[in-house]
């Protein structure tokens, strides 16, 4: 069963994403250290949930041939 994930895709830059997360974290945190720790945790959660099966990955090269 294939699931269409394109409905949940947001096209943005990593910099814009970090700025948006930082703005929200600074708004809800007591100090900047706490805000940046929250930003770190959110980015880790997002990046761990990403898939290598996106169109960004160039599959024209054999993985086995170039692994050393």
N, C-alpha and C. Protein backbone atom coordinates (compact mmCIF):
# COMPACT_ATOMS: atom_id res chain seq x y z
N UNK A 1 0.84 -1.18 0.00
CA UNK A 1 0.00 0.00 0.00
C UNK A 1 0.89 1.24 0.00
N UNK A 2 0.68 2.09 -0.95
CA UNK A 2 1.44 3.33 -1.01
C UNK A 2 0.59 4.47 -0.46
N UNK A 3 1.22 5.29 0.32
CA UNK A 3 0.55 6.45 0.89
C UNK A 3 1.06 7.70 0.18
N UNK A 4 0.15 8.55 -0.20
CA UNK A 4 0.54 9.79 -0.88
C UNK A 4 0.88 10.84 0.17
N UNK A 5 2.17 11.12 0.32
CA UNK A 5 2.62 12.08 1.32
C UNK A 5 2.71 13.50 0.77
N UNK A 6 2.41 13.68 -0.49
CA UNK A 6 2.56 15.01 -1.08
C UNK A 6 1.58 16.01 -0.49
N UNK A 7 0.49 15.53 0.11
CA UNK A 7 -0.47 16.43 0.75
C UNK A 7 0.13 17.12 1.96
N UNK A 8 1.10 16.48 2.60
CA UNK A 8 1.71 17.01 3.82
C UNK A 8 3.01 17.73 3.57
N UNK A 9 3.38 17.95 2.33
CA UNK A 9 4.66 18.54 1.98
C UNK A 9 4.57 20.06 1.98
N UNK A 10 5.57 20.67 2.59
CA UNK A 10 5.69 22.13 2.61
C UNK A 10 7.02 22.48 1.97
N UNK A 11 7.00 23.32 0.97
CA UNK A 11 8.22 23.71 0.29
C UNK A 11 8.77 24.98 0.94
N UNK A 12 9.93 24.86 1.58
CA UNK A 12 10.57 25.98 2.25
C UNK A 12 12.06 25.71 2.33
N UNK A 13 12.82 26.70 2.76
CA UNK A 13 14.24 26.49 2.97
C UNK A 13 14.48 26.11 4.42
N UNK A 14 15.61 25.51 4.68
CA UNK A 14 15.97 25.14 6.05
C UNK A 14 16.11 26.39 6.91
N UNK A 15 16.66 27.44 6.34
CA UNK A 15 16.81 28.70 7.08
C UNK A 15 15.47 29.28 7.50
N UNK A 16 14.50 29.29 6.58
CA UNK A 16 13.17 29.79 6.91
C UNK A 16 12.50 28.94 7.99
N UNK A 17 12.72 27.64 7.92
CA UNK A 17 12.16 26.74 8.92
C UNK A 17 12.75 27.02 10.30
N UNK A 18 14.05 27.21 10.36
CA UNK A 18 14.72 27.50 11.63
C UNK A 18 14.23 28.82 12.20
N UNK A 19 14.08 29.83 11.36
CA UNK A 19 13.58 31.13 11.81
C UNK A 19 12.18 31.00 12.38
N UNK A 20 11.31 30.28 11.68
CA UNK A 20 9.93 30.12 12.15
C UNK A 20 9.87 29.39 13.48
N UNK A 21 10.63 28.30 13.60
CA UNK A 21 10.66 27.55 14.87
C UNK A 21 11.25 28.41 15.98
N UNK A 22 12.29 29.16 15.68
CA UNK A 22 12.93 30.03 16.68
C UNK A 22 11.97 31.11 17.16
N UNK A 23 11.23 31.72 16.25
CA UNK A 23 10.27 32.76 16.64
C UNK A 23 9.23 32.23 17.62
N UNK A 24 8.71 31.06 17.33
CA UNK A 24 7.70 30.47 18.22
C UNK A 24 8.32 30.07 19.55
N UNK A 25 9.51 29.47 19.51
CA UNK A 25 10.17 29.04 20.74
C UNK A 25 10.51 30.23 21.63
N UNK A 26 11.00 31.33 21.05
CA UNK A 26 11.32 32.52 21.84
C UNK A 26 10.06 33.14 22.44
N UNK A 27 8.95 33.02 21.74
CA UNK A 27 7.69 33.57 22.24
C UNK A 27 7.18 32.81 23.46
N UNK A 28 7.41 31.49 23.50
CA UNK A 28 6.86 30.66 24.58
C UNK A 28 7.87 30.26 25.64
N UNK A 29 9.12 30.68 25.53
CA UNK A 29 10.13 30.30 26.50
C UNK A 29 10.45 31.44 27.45
N UNK A 30 10.99 31.06 28.60
CA UNK A 30 11.35 32.05 29.62
C UNK A 30 12.66 32.75 29.31
N UNK A 31 13.59 32.05 28.67
CA UNK A 31 14.87 32.65 28.32
C UNK A 31 15.38 32.07 27.01
N UNK A 32 16.43 32.66 26.47
CA UNK A 32 16.93 32.25 25.15
C UNK A 32 17.54 30.85 25.17
N UNK A 33 18.19 30.49 26.28
CA UNK A 33 18.78 29.15 26.36
C UNK A 33 17.69 28.08 26.26
N UNK A 34 16.62 28.27 26.96
CA UNK A 34 15.50 27.35 26.90
C UNK A 34 14.88 27.32 25.49
N UNK A 35 14.79 28.48 24.86
CA UNK A 35 14.21 28.57 23.51
C UNK A 35 15.06 27.81 22.50
N UNK A 36 16.38 27.99 22.57
CA UNK A 36 17.24 27.30 21.62
C UNK A 36 17.27 25.79 21.86
N UNK A 37 17.12 25.37 23.09
CA UNK A 37 17.02 23.93 23.37
C UNK A 37 15.72 23.38 22.77
N UNK A 38 14.66 24.14 22.86
CA UNK A 38 13.39 23.74 22.26
C UNK A 38 13.51 23.67 20.73
N UNK A 39 14.18 24.65 20.13
CA UNK A 39 14.42 24.65 18.68
C UNK A 39 15.20 23.41 18.28
N UNK A 40 16.22 23.09 19.04
CA UNK A 40 17.03 21.90 18.76
C UNK A 40 16.19 20.63 18.79
N UNK A 41 15.35 20.50 19.80
CA UNK A 41 14.51 19.31 19.92
C UNK A 41 13.50 19.20 18.78
N UNK A 42 12.91 20.32 18.41
CA UNK A 42 11.94 20.32 17.31
C UNK A 42 12.62 19.96 15.99
N UNK A 43 13.78 20.54 15.72
CA UNK A 43 14.49 20.23 14.48
C UNK A 43 14.92 18.76 14.44
N UNK A 44 15.37 18.23 15.56
CA UNK A 44 15.73 16.81 15.62
C UNK A 44 14.53 15.93 15.30
N UNK A 45 13.40 16.27 15.87
CA UNK A 45 12.17 15.50 15.63
C UNK A 45 11.77 15.55 14.16
N UNK A 46 11.85 16.74 13.56
CA UNK A 46 11.48 16.89 12.15
C UNK A 46 12.45 16.12 11.26
N UNK A 47 13.76 16.29 11.49
CA UNK A 47 14.76 15.67 10.64
C UNK A 47 14.78 14.15 10.78
N UNK A 48 14.50 13.64 11.97
CA UNK A 48 14.44 12.20 12.15
C UNK A 48 13.24 11.60 11.42
N UNK A 49 12.21 12.40 11.21
CA UNK A 49 11.01 11.90 10.55
C UNK A 49 11.06 12.02 9.04
N UNK A 50 12.14 12.58 8.50
CA UNK A 50 12.22 12.73 7.05
C UNK A 50 12.59 11.41 6.41
N UNK A 51 12.28 11.29 5.16
CA UNK A 51 12.54 10.06 4.42
C UNK A 51 13.58 10.33 3.34
N UNK A 52 14.41 9.35 3.08
CA UNK A 52 15.37 9.45 2.00
C UNK A 52 14.73 9.14 0.65
N UNK A 53 13.45 8.90 0.63
CA UNK A 53 12.75 8.57 -0.61
C UNK A 53 12.12 9.80 -1.25
N UNK A 54 12.73 10.91 -1.11
CA UNK A 54 12.21 12.13 -1.70
C UNK A 54 12.82 12.35 -3.07
N UNK A 55 12.29 13.32 -3.79
CA UNK A 55 12.81 13.60 -5.12
C UNK A 55 14.17 14.28 -5.08
N UNK A 56 14.63 14.69 -3.90
CA UNK A 56 15.93 15.34 -3.77
C UNK A 56 17.05 14.32 -3.99
N UNK A 57 16.83 13.09 -3.60
CA UNK A 57 17.85 12.06 -3.72
C UNK A 57 17.98 11.65 -5.18
N UNK A 58 19.19 11.70 -5.70
CA UNK A 58 19.45 11.34 -7.07
C UNK A 58 19.74 9.84 -7.13
N UNK A 59 18.87 9.08 -7.72
CA UNK A 59 19.00 7.62 -7.74
C UNK A 59 19.67 7.10 -9.01
N UNK A 60 20.30 7.96 -9.78
CA UNK A 60 20.95 7.50 -11.01
C UNK A 60 22.23 6.74 -10.73
N UNK A 61 22.83 6.93 -9.57
CA UNK A 61 24.08 6.27 -9.23
C UNK A 61 23.81 5.06 -8.35
N UNK A 62 24.48 3.98 -8.66
CA UNK A 62 24.32 2.77 -7.87
C UNK A 62 24.93 2.98 -6.49
N UNK A 63 24.18 2.64 -5.46
CA UNK A 63 24.67 2.81 -4.09
C UNK A 63 25.81 1.83 -3.80
N UNK A 64 25.69 0.62 -4.28
CA UNK A 64 26.68 -0.41 -3.97
C UNK A 64 28.02 -0.10 -4.63
N UNK A 65 28.00 0.39 -5.86
CA UNK A 65 29.22 0.66 -6.58
C UNK A 65 30.08 1.71 -5.89
N UNK A 66 29.43 2.72 -5.26
CA UNK A 66 30.17 3.84 -4.69
C UNK A 66 30.38 3.74 -3.18
N UNK A 67 29.89 2.70 -2.55
CA UNK A 67 30.13 2.52 -1.12
C UNK A 67 31.50 1.89 -0.93
N UNK A 68 32.32 2.49 -0.11
CA UNK A 68 33.66 1.95 0.16
C UNK A 68 33.87 1.85 1.64
